Amino acid sequence: MDNGMFSGFIMIKNLL
């Protein structure tokens, strides 16, 4: 799994 993908998901969740 790419760490970038996981990081992006957390970032989006933070925005919501």
PDB file of N, CA and C in Angstrom:
ATOM      1  N   MET A   1       0.848  -1.212   0.000  1.00  0.00           N
ATOM      2  CA  MET A   1       0.000   0.000   0.000  1.00  0.00           C
ATOM      3  C   MET A   1       0.876   1.253   0.000  1.00  0.00           C
ATOM      4  N   ASP A   2       0.457   2.236  -0.768  1.00  0.00           N
ATOM      5  CA  ASP A   2       1.248   3.477  -0.812  1.00  0.00           C
ATOM      6  C   ASP A   2       0.869   4.380   0.352  1.00  0.00           C
ATOM      7  N   ASN A   3       1.873   4.884   1.031  1.00  0.00           N
ATOM      8  CA  ASN A   3       1.618   5.769   2.168  1.00  0.00           C
ATOM      9  C   ASN A   3       0.928   7.047   1.705  1.00  0.00           C
ATOM     10  N   GLY A   4       1.238   7.501   0.490  1.00  0.00           N
ATOM     11  CA  GLY A   4       0.646   8.740  -0.034  1.00  0.00           C
ATOM     12  C   GLY A   4      -0.872   8.620  -0.110  1.00  0.00           C
ATOM     13  N   MET A   5      -1.344   7.453  -0.506  1.00  0.00           N
ATOM     14  CA  MET A   5      -2.792   7.246  -0.617  1.00  0.00           C
ATOM     15  C   MET A   5      -3.440   7.370   0.760  1.00  0.00           C
ATOM     16  N   PHE A   6      -2.837   6.718   1.747  1.00  0.00           N
ATOM     17  CA  PHE A   6      -3.373   6.768   3.105  1.00  0.00           C
ATOM     18  C   PHE A   6      -3.355   8.197   3.632  1.00  0.00           C
ATOM     19  N   SER A   7      -2.252   8.910   3.368  1.00  0.00           N
ATOM     20  CA  SER A   7      -2.105  10.294   3.825  1.00  0.00           C
ATOM     21  C   SER A   7      -3.202  11.165   3.200  1.00  0.00           C
ATOM     22  N   GLY A   8      -3.435  10.949   1.921  1.00  0.00           N
ATOM     23  CA  GLY A   8      -4.456  11.740   1.220  1.00  0.00           C
ATOM     24  C   GLY A   8      -5.830  11.490   1.826  1.00  0.00           C
ATOM     25  N   PHE A   9      -6.109  10.237   2.163  1.00  0.00           N
ATOM     26  CA  PHE A   9      -7.411   9.905   2.748  1.00  0.00           C
ATOM     27  C   PHE A   9      -7.606  10.628   4.077  1.00  0.00           C
ATOM     28  N   ILE A  10      -6.575  10.649   4.908  1.00  0.00           N
ATOM     29  CA  ILE A  10      -6.662  11.327   6.205  1.00  0.00           C
ATOM     30  C   ILE A  10      -6.864  12.818   5.993  1.00  0.00           C
ATOM     31  N   MET A  11      -6.166  13.364   5.011  1.00  0.00           N
ATOM     32  CA  MET A  11      -6.291  14.803   4.729  1.00  0.00           C
ATOM     33  C   MET A  11      -7.724  15.147   4.339  1.00  0.00           C
ATOM     34  N   ILE A  12      -8.301  14.348   3.467  1.00  0.00           N
ATOM     35  CA  ILE A  12      -9.686  14.595   3.026  1.00  0.00           C
ATOM     36  C   ILE A  12     -10.642  14.455   4.207  1.00  0.00           C
ATOM     37  N   LYS A  13     -10.413  13.463   5.033  1.00  0.00           N
ATOM     38  CA  LYS A  13     -11.297  13.252   6.189  1.00  0.00           C
ATOM     39  C   LYS A  13     -11.208  14.450   7.130  1.00  0.00           C
ATOM     40  N   ASN A  14     -10.020  15.020   7.251  1.00  0.00           N
ATOM     41  CA  ASN A  14      -9.831  16.183   8.116  1.00  0.00           C
ATOM     42  C   ASN A  14     -10.636  17.362   7.590  1.00  0.00           C
ATOM     43  N   LEU A  15     -10.672  17.508   6.260  1.00  0.00           N
ATOM     44  CA  LEU A  15     -11.390  18.635   5.649  1.00  0.00           C
ATOM     45  C   LEU A  15     -12.886  18.501   5.894  1.00  0.00           C
ATOM     46  N   LEU A  16     -13.383  17.257   5.906  1.00  0.00           N
ATOM     47  CA  LEU A  16     -14.822  17.048   6.095  1.00  0.00           C
ATOM     48  C   LEU A  16     -15.234  17.376   7.525  1.00  0.00           C
TER      49      LEU A  16
END
